Amino acid sequence: MEAYTTDEPIYALATAFAPSALSVIRTSGDDCIQMISRIFSSKKRLMDAKSKTLVHGYLETLEGERIDEVVLSVYRKGQGYTGEEAVEISAHGSLSGLKRIFRALEEVGFRKAKRGEFTFRAFMHGRMDLTQAEAVEEIISSKSELSQAKALDRLEGRLRSRLEEYREKLIYILSSLEVQLDYAEDEIPEDWIFPEDDVDEMILGLERLLSSYDSSRLYREGAKIVLAGSTNAGKSSLFNLLMKENRAIVSSIPGTTRDYIEAWSNIRGIPVRLFDTAGLRESEDEVESEGIKRSEKLMDEADLILFLVDPLDPKLPEKKRGNMIVIYSKSDIEKRDGLSISSETGDGIEELFDKIEDFLSKGATELDEIVIDSERQKEDIASTLETLRTVRDLRRDTSVDVYALYFQSALETIGAITGEVTNEELLDTLFSKFCVGK
């Protein structure tokens, strides 16, 4: 992978490459204001513009031919998103016009930015740490309001502040150990006391952060919910009800659904990926049999299975799974004991939603809690936890220099989460997941 750099001026389209009323092109890098002035109709106004001001005019070719009427947002060094000198170009969303602007920018020395390169530069110039950089992409890819709100929390620095508290504690502990290591044994002013309260507090806090990952992933990626059951049990009717549209064919003829149908929906604020599957039964039809095999595979992969049972022909699941909710359908025809619903009248649907929400949000973090949403953060926090638990368990019969090694390791891992300790390969991998223009 080609490494990111900060020594060239870059540009990228920050909005979709599609016909639109408005498109925004980002530029960043040393002397980018002067470079754009070469293809701007009001050169002096642009060069004299203060930071965070707008300049109206026309972009032109180097030969003076007008390309488009634009508004330039000017950011002097240290003021914009990347921390570099930057100009954002608001132009009309004409595809042919955008291509001409790209060519003009390249003619004056800009190169097209790589994925995530603007955020990479923001990180390199101290505008944000790695937890905030990751939050940028998490905001864009959020599938629920809660996931977006939590990512915004991280962008504002709540996670960084919490980790900085732990980092300061570790630095203080290491500095007290350093005093012990700097003196001969008979010159040490007083015995070193293991900071049990501080270590326990860090362990508890890191355990909470680690446990937040699963619930955060749920709101970020969504839950895989499979509608299963025998033929004609009402799966497709429930699927249509949950989707609020007629996506699946509903018929009294058994075996209508031969392959699964999937679609995104939202239940009580939780993004869910719904699967309507082929009815489970013995079949000699080759196509239907293949659909049933796929249904069984989906059930094995599901976060939650909603198993529909026809009350007039009750065929319960052969084995009850821990992630399965058994539902009697068609309650408008016959109501059974247990969870009973009607996709025709809506009877019992709110109770079903309650059960889905309760199951999926088990162990979910409270709304005001800080959460993590990155596999990288999860692994580093788990590593820090393991180190702190180990040093706590060894505290009675361990030498001062061994204490120091453990606490130094914990400090370095905390630093890796925020990006104070990092490497080029990690940065390339992380920022390459971003969209172009970010």
Protein backbone atom coordinates (compact mmCIF):
# COMPACT_ATOMS: atom_id res chain seq x y z
CA MET A 1 0.00 0.00 0.00
CA GLU A 2 1.29 3.46 -0.93
CA ALA A 3 2.02 5.48 2.21
CA TYR A 4 0.17 8.71 2.93
CA THR A 5 2.19 11.91 2.78
CA THR A 6 1.62 15.54 3.78
CA ASP A 7 4.03 17.27 1.41
CA GLU A 8 1.76 17.70 -1.63
CA PRO A 9 -1.40 19.77 -2.13
CA ILE A 10 -4.42 17.50 -2.64
CA TYR A 11 -8.01 17.75 -3.87
CA ALA A 12 -11.08 15.51 -3.78
CA LEU A 13 -14.80 15.70 -4.38
CA ALA A 14 -16.47 15.66 -0.94
CA THR A 15 -20.00 15.15 -2.30
CA ALA A 16 -21.38 12.46 -4.59
CA PHE A 17 -20.24 12.39 -8.22
CA ALA A 18 -23.77 12.76 -9.55
CA PRO A 19 -25.86 15.56 -11.08
CA SER A 20 -26.92 17.88 -8.26
CA ALA A 21 -27.62 21.48 -7.38
CA LEU A 22 -24.33 21.81 -5.54
CA SER A 23 -21.01 19.97 -5.29
CA VAL A 24 -18.13 20.59 -2.89
CA ILE A 25 -14.49 20.02 -3.77
CA ARG A 26 -11.94 20.03 -0.95
CA THR A 27 -8.34 21.15 -1.33
CA SER A 28 -5.57 21.18 1.26
CA GLY A 29 -1.84 21.75 1.43
CA ASP A 30 0.87 24.39 1.54
CA ASP A 31 0.26 27.34 -0.83
CA CYS A 32 -3.08 25.97 -2.02
CA ILE A 33 -4.67 29.45 -1.81
CA GLN A 34 -2.01 30.88 -4.11
CA MET A 35 -2.34 27.89 -6.46
CA ILE A 36 -6.11 28.29 -6.79
CA SER A 37 -5.71 32.03 -7.31
CA ARG A 38 -4.04 31.17 -10.66
CA ILE A 39 -7.37 29.80 -11.93
CA PHE A 40 -9.71 32.18 -10.06
CA SER A 41 -11.25 35.33 -11.54
CA SER A 42 -10.72 37.51 -8.42
CA LYS A 43 -7.10 36.69 -7.59
CA LYS A 44 -6.41 39.61 -5.23
CA ARG A 45 -9.62 39.12 -3.22
CA LEU A 46 -8.75 35.48 -2.74
CA MET A 47 -5.15 36.16 -1.72
CA ASP A 48 -6.30 38.87 0.74
CA ALA A 49 -9.19 36.84 2.18
CA LYS A 50 -9.14 36.18 5.91
CA SER A 51 -9.54 32.69 7.32
CA LYS A 52 -13.08 31.28 7.48
CA THR A 53 -14.45 33.73 4.91
CA LEU A 54 -16.19 33.20 1.56
CA VAL A 55 -15.06 34.56 -1.80
CA HIS A 56 -17.37 34.58 -4.84
CA GLY A 57 -16.10 34.42 -8.40
CA TYR A 58 -15.35 32.13 -11.34
CA LEU A 59 -12.94 29.26 -11.81
CA GLU A 60 -11.10 29.51 -15.10
CA THR A 61 -8.62 27.53 -17.13
CA LEU A 62 -5.02 28.76 -17.24
CA GLU A 63 -5.93 30.25 -20.63
CA GLY A 64 -8.70 32.33 -19.01
CA GLU A 65 -11.76 30.35 -20.18
CA ARG A 66 -14.49 30.30 -17.54
CA ILE A 67 -15.38 26.88 -16.10
CA ASP A 68 -17.99 27.57 -13.41
CA GLU A 69 -19.33 30.17 -11.00
CA VAL A 70 -18.16 29.18 -7.51
CA VAL A 71 -17.91 30.20 -3.86
CA LEU A 72 -14.58 29.53 -2.15
CA SER A 73 -14.36 28.87 1.60
CA VAL A 74 -10.90 29.97 2.72
CA TYR A 75 -8.98 28.47 5.65
CA ARG A 76 -5.57 29.78 6.59
CA LYS A 77 -3.01 27.40 8.12
CA GLY A 78 -4.16 25.98 11.46
CA GLN A 79 -7.81 26.96 10.95
CA GLY A 80 -9.37 24.28 8.77
CA TYR A 81 -10.22 20.57 9.03
CA THR A 82 -6.73 19.33 8.21
CA GLY A 83 -4.78 22.04 10.03
CA GLU A 84 -3.21 22.99 6.71
CA GLU A 85 -3.99 25.86 4.39
CA ALA A 86 -7.20 24.84 2.65
CA VAL A 87 -9.90 25.97 0.22
CA GLU A 88 -13.28 24.32 -0.25
CA ILE A 89 -14.90 24.98 -3.63
CA SER A 90 -18.71 25.08 -3.82
CA ALA A 91 -19.63 24.58 -7.49
CA HIS A 92 -22.63 23.53 -9.54
CA GLY A 93 -23.17 19.78 -9.64
CA SER A 94 -22.54 19.35 -13.36
CA LEU A 95 -20.48 16.23 -14.06
CA SER A 96 -18.79 17.76 -17.09
CA GLY A 97 -18.11 20.94 -15.10
CA LEU A 98 -16.61 18.98 -12.21
CA LYS A 99 -14.28 17.11 -14.56
CA ARG A 100 -13.06 20.44 -15.96
CA ILE A 101 -12.43 21.73 -12.42
CA PHE A 102 -10.45 18.58 -11.59
CA ARG A 103 -8.28 19.08 -14.69
CA ALA A 104 -7.70 22.73 -13.81
CA LEU A 105 -6.64 21.84 -10.26
CA GLU A 106 -4.21 19.21 -11.55
CA GLU A 107 -2.75 21.68 -14.05
CA VAL A 108 -1.76 24.04 -11.22
CA GLY A 109 -0.17 21.26 -9.14
CA PHE A 110 -2.84 19.48 -7.08
CA ARG A 111 -3.04 15.68 -7.00
CA LYS A 112 -6.16 13.64 -6.31
CA ALA A 113 -6.41 12.66 -2.63
CA LYS A 114 -6.42 9.04 -1.52
CA ARG A 115 -9.18 7.59 0.66
CA GLY A 116 -9.15 9.20 4.12
CA GLU A 117 -6.23 11.47 3.31
CA PHE A 118 -7.85 14.66 4.62
CA THR A 119 -8.55 13.01 7.99
CA PHE A 120 -5.04 11.52 7.97
CA ARG A 121 -3.63 15.04 7.66
CA ALA A 122 -5.92 16.27 10.43
CA PHE A 123 -4.49 13.53 12.66
CA MET A 124 -0.88 14.23 11.66
CA HIS A 125 -1.31 17.94 12.41
CA GLY A 126 -2.82 17.30 15.85
CA ARG A 127 -6.37 18.33 14.97
CA MET A 128 -7.68 15.01 16.32
CA ASP A 129 -6.45 11.74 17.81
CA LEU A 130 -7.09 8.29 16.33
CA THR A 131 -10.32 7.73 18.28
CA GLN A 132 -11.72 10.94 16.80
CA ALA A 133 -10.42 10.08 13.32
CA GLU A 134 -12.20 6.71 13.45
CA ALA A 135 -15.35 8.49 14.67
CA VAL A 136 -15.45 10.50 11.42
CA GLU A 137 -15.95 7.35 9.34
CA GLU A 138 -18.28 5.87 11.98
CA ILE A 139 -20.57 8.93 11.73
CA ILE A 140 -20.79 8.49 7.96
CA SER A 141 -21.51 4.74 8.13
CA SER A 142 -23.96 4.86 11.08
CA LYS A 143 -27.24 3.03 10.48
CA SER A 144 -29.12 4.41 13.49
CA GLU A 145 -29.57 7.70 15.33
CA LEU A 146 -27.98 6.28 18.48
CA SER A 147 -24.93 5.00 16.59
CA GLN A 148 -24.50 8.41 14.95
CA ALA A 149 -24.86 10.20 18.30
CA LYS A 150 -22.27 7.94 19.95
CA ALA A 151 -19.83 8.47 17.09
CA LEU A 152 -20.33 12.23 17.45
CA ASP A 153 -19.50 11.83 21.16
CA ARG A 154 -16.18 10.26 20.21
CA LEU A 155 -15.51 12.95 17.62
CA GLU A 156 -16.02 15.57 20.32
CA GLY A 157 -13.33 13.81 22.38
CA ARG A 158 -15.18 12.05 25.22
CA LEU A 159 -13.34 8.77 24.69
CA ARG A 160 -10.02 10.56 24.33
CA SER A 161 -10.62 12.43 27.61
CA ARG A 162 -11.41 9.20 29.47
CA LEU A 163 -8.29 7.49 28.13
CA GLU A 164 -6.21 10.56 28.96
CA GLU A 165 -7.32 10.19 32.61
CA TYR A 166 -5.97 6.64 32.65
CA ARG A 167 -2.81 7.71 30.88
CA GLU A 168 -2.12 10.37 33.53
CA LYS A 169 -2.66 7.82 36.30
CA LEU A 170 -0.16 5.45 34.67
CA ILE A 171 2.39 8.24 34.24
CA TYR A 172 2.04 9.14 37.92
CA ILE A 173 2.47 5.49 38.95
CA LEU A 174 5.55 5.14 36.72
CA SER A 175 7.07 8.34 38.08
CA SER A 176 6.72 7.03 41.65
CA LEU A 177 8.36 3.78 40.57
CA GLU A 178 11.16 5.71 38.90
CA VAL A 179 12.09 7.21 42.27
CA GLN A 180 12.50 3.69 43.64
CA LEU A 181 14.62 2.61 40.67
CA ASP A 182 16.89 5.68 40.84
CA TYR A 183 18.05 5.08 44.41
CA ALA A 184 20.08 2.31 45.91
CA GLU A 185 18.05 -0.04 48.11
CA ASP A 186 19.36 1.44 51.37
CA GLU A 187 18.74 5.04 50.19
CA ILE A 188 15.05 4.77 49.22
CA PRO A 189 13.18 7.37 51.31
CA GLU A 190 10.11 5.16 51.90
CA ASP A 191 8.55 1.88 50.77
CA TRP A 192 6.51 1.96 47.58
CA ILE A 193 2.84 1.18 48.12
CA PHE A 194 0.95 -0.55 45.31
CA PRO A 195 -1.74 1.90 44.00
CA GLU A 196 -4.57 -0.57 44.40
CA ASP A 197 -7.43 1.95 44.20
CA ASP A 198 -6.10 3.54 40.99
CA VAL A 199 -5.51 0.18 39.32
CA ASP A 200 -8.97 -1.11 40.30
CA GLU A 201 -10.57 2.07 39.01
CA MET A 202 -8.80 1.74 35.65
CA ILE A 203 -9.73 -1.94 35.36
CA LEU A 204 -13.39 -1.21 36.09
CA GLY A 205 -13.49 1.65 33.58
CA LEU A 206 -11.77 -0.35 30.85
CA GLU A 207 -14.12 -3.30 31.47
CA ARG A 208 -17.07 -0.98 30.88
CA LEU A 209 -15.53 0.31 27.67
CA LEU A 210 -14.82 -3.22 26.46
CA SER A 211 -18.35 -4.42 27.24
CA SER A 212 -19.79 -1.48 25.26
CA TYR A 213 -18.36 -2.81 21.99
CA ASP A 214 -21.07 -5.42 21.33
CA SER A 215 -23.99 -3.05 21.90
CA SER A 216 -22.23 -0.38 19.86
CA ARG A 217 -21.73 -2.87 17.03
CA LEU A 218 -25.43 -3.67 17.15
CA TYR A 219 -26.43 -0.05 16.55
CA ARG A 220 -23.65 0.45 14.00
CA GLU A 221 -24.00 -2.70 11.87
CA GLY A 222 -27.55 -3.74 12.69
CA ALA A 223 -28.93 -7.10 13.79
CA LYS A 224 -29.56 -10.04 11.50
CA ILE A 225 -33.15 -11.21 12.11
CA VAL A 226 -34.41 -14.33 10.34
CA LEU A 227 -38.12 -15.11 9.97
CA ALA A 228 -38.41 -18.91 10.01
CA GLY A 229 -41.08 -21.56 10.39
CA SER A 230 -43.08 -24.07 8.40
CA THR A 231 -44.74 -23.25 5.10
CA ASN A 232 -47.76 -20.94 5.26
CA ALA A 233 -46.98 -19.91 8.85
CA GLY A 234 -47.24 -16.20 8.09
CA LYS A 235 -43.56 -15.29 7.63
CA SER A 236 -44.03 -13.22 4.49
CA SER A 237 -47.02 -11.38 5.99
CA LEU A 238 -44.94 -10.42 9.03
CA PHE A 239 -42.02 -9.45 6.77
CA ASN A 240 -44.28 -7.09 4.81
CA LEU A 241 -45.69 -5.65 8.04
CA LEU A 242 -42.22 -4.96 9.44
CA MET A 243 -41.12 -3.42 6.12
CA LYS A 244 -44.37 -1.40 5.83
CA GLU A 245 -44.60 -2.46 2.18
CA ASN A 246 -45.50 -5.54 0.14
CA ARG A 247 -42.00 -6.87 -0.54
CA ALA A 248 -42.74 -10.59 -0.18
CA ILE A 249 -45.41 -12.55 -2.06
CA VAL A 250 -48.16 -13.72 0.28
CA SER A 251 -50.15 -16.76 -0.81
CA SER A 252 -52.18 -19.56 0.75
CA ILE A 253 -50.24 -21.99 -1.46
CA PRO A 254 -47.48 -23.65 0.63
CA GLY A 255 -43.90 -23.18 -0.59
CA THR A 256 -44.44 -19.80 -2.31
CA THR A 257 -41.15 -18.44 -0.90
CA ARG A 258 -38.40 -20.61 -2.38
CA ASP A 259 -35.42 -18.38 -1.67
CA TYR A 260 -34.86 -15.80 1.02
CA ILE A 261 -35.68 -12.11 0.68
CA GLU A 262 -33.70 -9.55 2.67
CA ALA A 263 -34.18 -5.87 3.45
CA TRP A 264 -33.16 -3.25 6.02
CA SER A 265 -35.64 -1.95 8.57
CA ASN A 266 -35.63 -0.29 11.98
CA ILE A 267 -37.21 -1.62 15.17
CA ARG A 268 -37.28 0.69 18.19
CA GLY A 269 -34.24 2.57 16.89
CA ILE A 270 -32.22 -0.60 16.23
CA PRO A 271 -31.23 -1.14 12.58
CA VAL A 272 -32.18 -4.67 11.54
CA ARG A 273 -31.51 -6.75 8.44
CA LEU A 274 -34.63 -8.84 7.94
CA PHE A 275 -34.70 -12.18 6.11
CA ASP A 276 -37.91 -13.83 4.94
CA THR A 277 -37.01 -17.49 4.35
CA ALA A 278 -38.41 -20.55 2.64
CA GLY A 279 -40.78 -22.61 4.76
CA LEU A 280 -39.23 -25.55 6.59
CA ARG A 281 -40.63 -28.86 5.40
CA GLU A 282 -39.67 -32.03 3.53
CA SER A 283 -39.71 -31.39 -0.20
CA GLU A 284 -38.76 -33.30 -3.33
CA ASP A 285 -38.67 -30.08 -5.37
CA GLU A 286 -35.00 -29.33 -6.10
CA VAL A 287 -35.41 -25.54 -6.05
CA GLU A 288 -37.47 -25.50 -2.87
CA SER A 289 -35.03 -27.90 -1.16
CA GLU A 290 -32.15 -25.57 -1.95
CA GLY A 291 -34.19 -22.67 -0.50
CA ILE A 292 -34.76 -24.65 2.70
CA LYS A 293 -31.01 -25.37 3.01
CA ARG A 294 -30.33 -21.65 2.69
CA SER A 295 -32.96 -20.92 5.33
CA GLU A 296 -31.26 -23.29 7.77
CA LYS A 297 -27.87 -21.69 7.06
CA LEU A 298 -29.32 -18.23 7.72
CA MET A 299 -30.76 -19.44 11.02
CA ASP A 300 -27.28 -20.61 12.08
CA GLU A 301 -25.89 -17.13 11.33
CA ALA A 302 -28.76 -15.07 12.80
CA ASP A 303 -28.57 -12.73 15.78
CA LEU A 304 -32.26 -13.46 16.37
CA ILE A 305 -34.73 -15.98 14.91
CA LEU A 306 -38.44 -15.21 14.85
CA PHE A 307 -40.02 -18.66 14.48
CA LEU A 308 -43.60 -18.38 13.16
CA VAL A 309 -46.13 -21.09 14.05
CA ASP A 310 -49.52 -21.46 12.36
CA PRO A 311 -52.08 -21.90 15.21
CA LEU A 312 -54.26 -24.03 12.91
CA ASP A 313 -51.37 -26.38 12.12
CA PRO A 314 -48.90 -25.87 15.00
CA LYS A 315 -45.45 -27.13 14.01
CA LEU A 316 -43.03 -26.05 16.74
CA PRO A 317 -39.29 -25.91 16.12
CA GLU A 318 -37.48 -29.23 16.39
CA LYS A 319 -34.96 -27.61 18.71
CA LYS A 320 -35.40 -24.38 20.66
CA ARG A 321 -32.39 -22.11 20.26
CA GLY A 322 -31.26 -19.50 22.73
CA ASN A 323 -31.68 -16.76 20.15
CA MET A 324 -35.18 -17.82 19.08
CA ILE A 325 -38.57 -16.24 19.82
CA VAL A 326 -41.54 -18.53 19.06
CA ILE A 327 -44.54 -16.61 17.73
CA TYR A 328 -48.05 -17.86 17.01
CA SER A 329 -49.38 -16.08 13.93
CA LYS A 330 -52.93 -15.41 12.66
CA SER A 331 -54.33 -14.47 16.08
CA ASP A 332 -57.28 -12.89 14.27
CA ILE A 333 -58.30 -16.46 13.29
CA GLU A 334 -57.25 -18.37 16.40
CA LYS A 335 -55.33 -17.07 19.42
CA ARG A 336 -52.96 -19.37 21.29
CA ASP A 337 -51.30 -19.03 24.68
CA GLY A 338 -47.90 -17.35 24.48
CA LEU A 339 -46.81 -14.62 22.09
CA SER A 340 -49.59 -14.40 19.53
CA ILE A 341 -49.79 -11.86 16.71
CA SER A 342 -51.83 -10.95 13.68
CA SER A 343 -50.14 -9.37 10.67
CA GLU A 344 -53.60 -8.49 9.39
CA THR A 345 -54.81 -6.47 12.42
CA GLY A 346 -51.49 -5.62 14.12
CA ASP A 347 -52.57 -7.44 17.29
CA GLY A 348 -49.56 -8.37 19.46
CA ILE A 349 -47.01 -6.52 17.31
CA GLU A 350 -46.01 -4.07 20.06
CA GLU A 351 -45.43 -7.00 22.43
CA LEU A 352 -43.27 -8.60 19.73
CA PHE A 353 -41.29 -5.37 19.38
CA ASP A 354 -40.78 -5.33 23.17
CA LYS A 355 -39.33 -8.85 23.06
CA ILE A 356 -37.08 -8.05 20.07
CA GLU A 357 -35.79 -4.89 21.76
CA ASP A 358 -35.20 -6.68 25.07
CA PHE A 359 -33.29 -9.50 23.39
CA LEU A 360 -31.12 -7.36 21.10
CA SER A 361 -30.28 -4.71 23.68
CA LYS A 362 -29.28 -7.13 26.46
CA GLY A 363 -26.23 -5.62 28.11
CA ALA A 364 -26.50 -2.47 26.02
CA THR A 365 -24.66 0.56 27.34
CA GLU A 366 -26.65 3.41 28.87
CA LEU A 367 -27.17 6.39 26.57
CA ASP A 368 -24.85 8.66 28.56
CA GLU A 369 -22.01 6.10 28.72
CA ILE A 370 -18.90 6.34 26.57
CA VAL A 371 -18.71 3.47 24.08
CA ILE A 372 -16.15 2.08 21.64
CA ASP A 373 -16.98 1.18 18.06
CA SER A 374 -13.66 -0.01 16.64
CA GLU A 375 -12.16 -3.49 16.53
CA ARG A 376 -8.73 -1.89 16.92
CA GLN A 377 -9.80 -0.04 20.07
CA LYS A 378 -11.39 -3.21 21.43
CA GLU A 379 -8.18 -5.23 21.00
CA ASP A 380 -5.96 -2.55 22.59
CA ILE A 381 -8.32 -2.09 25.55
CA ALA A 382 -8.44 -5.87 26.07
CA SER A 383 -4.63 -5.94 26.02
CA THR A 384 -4.39 -3.09 28.55
CA LEU A 385 -6.92 -4.85 30.79
CA GLU A 386 -4.93 -8.08 30.71
CA THR A 387 -1.75 -6.22 31.69
CA LEU A 388 -3.39 -4.38 34.59
CA ARG A 389 -5.11 -7.52 35.89
CA THR A 390 -1.79 -9.38 35.78
CA VAL A 391 0.13 -6.71 37.68
CA ARG A 392 -2.68 -6.50 40.24
CA ASP A 393 -2.53 -10.26 40.85
CA LEU A 394 1.28 -10.16 41.21
CA ARG A 395 1.43 -7.17 43.51
CA ARG A 396 2.48 -8.96 46.72
CA ASP A 397 5.73 -10.61 45.66
CA THR A 398 7.04 -8.62 42.73
CA SER A 399 10.09 -6.38 42.41
CA VAL A 400 9.80 -2.69 41.58
CA ASP A 401 11.42 -3.08 38.16
CA VAL A 402 8.84 -5.74 37.17
CA TYR A 403 6.02 -3.42 38.27
CA ALA A 404 7.53 -0.76 36.03
CA LEU A 405 7.59 -3.08 32.99
CA TYR A 406 3.90 -3.89 33.35
CA PHE A 407 2.78 -0.30 33.88
CA GLN A 408 4.97 0.89 30.99
CA SER A 409 3.34 -1.73 28.74
CA ALA A 410 -0.15 -0.54 29.79
CA LEU A 411 0.86 3.07 29.12
CA GLU A 412 2.08 2.21 25.62
CA THR A 413 -1.11 0.32 24.76
CA ILE A 414 -3.28 3.22 25.94
CA GLY A 415 -1.13 5.46 23.76
CA ALA A 416 -1.74 3.18 20.78
CA ILE A 417 -5.53 3.65 21.13
CA THR A 418 -5.29 7.43 20.80
CA GLY A 419 -2.43 7.35 18.29
CA GLU A 420 0.37 8.68 20.50
CA VAL A 421 2.13 5.38 19.84
CA THR A 422 1.56 4.14 16.29
CA ASN A 423 3.19 2.94 13.09
CA GLU A 424 2.92 3.73 9.40
CA GLU A 425 1.27 0.43 8.43
CA LEU A 426 -1.51 0.90 11.00
CA LEU A 427 -2.26 4.41 9.74
CA ASP A 428 -2.33 3.32 6.10
CA THR A 429 -4.73 0.48 6.91
CA LEU A 430 -7.00 2.60 9.09
CA PHE A 431 -7.39 5.60 6.78
CA SER A 432 -7.70 3.52 3.60
CA LYS A 433 -11.17 2.44 4.87
CA PHE A 434 -12.46 6.02 4.63
CA CYS A 435 -14.31 7.45 1.67
CA VAL A 436 -12.54 9.81 -0.74
CA GLY A 437 -13.00 13.42 0.37
CA LYS A 438 -12.66 12.49 4.05
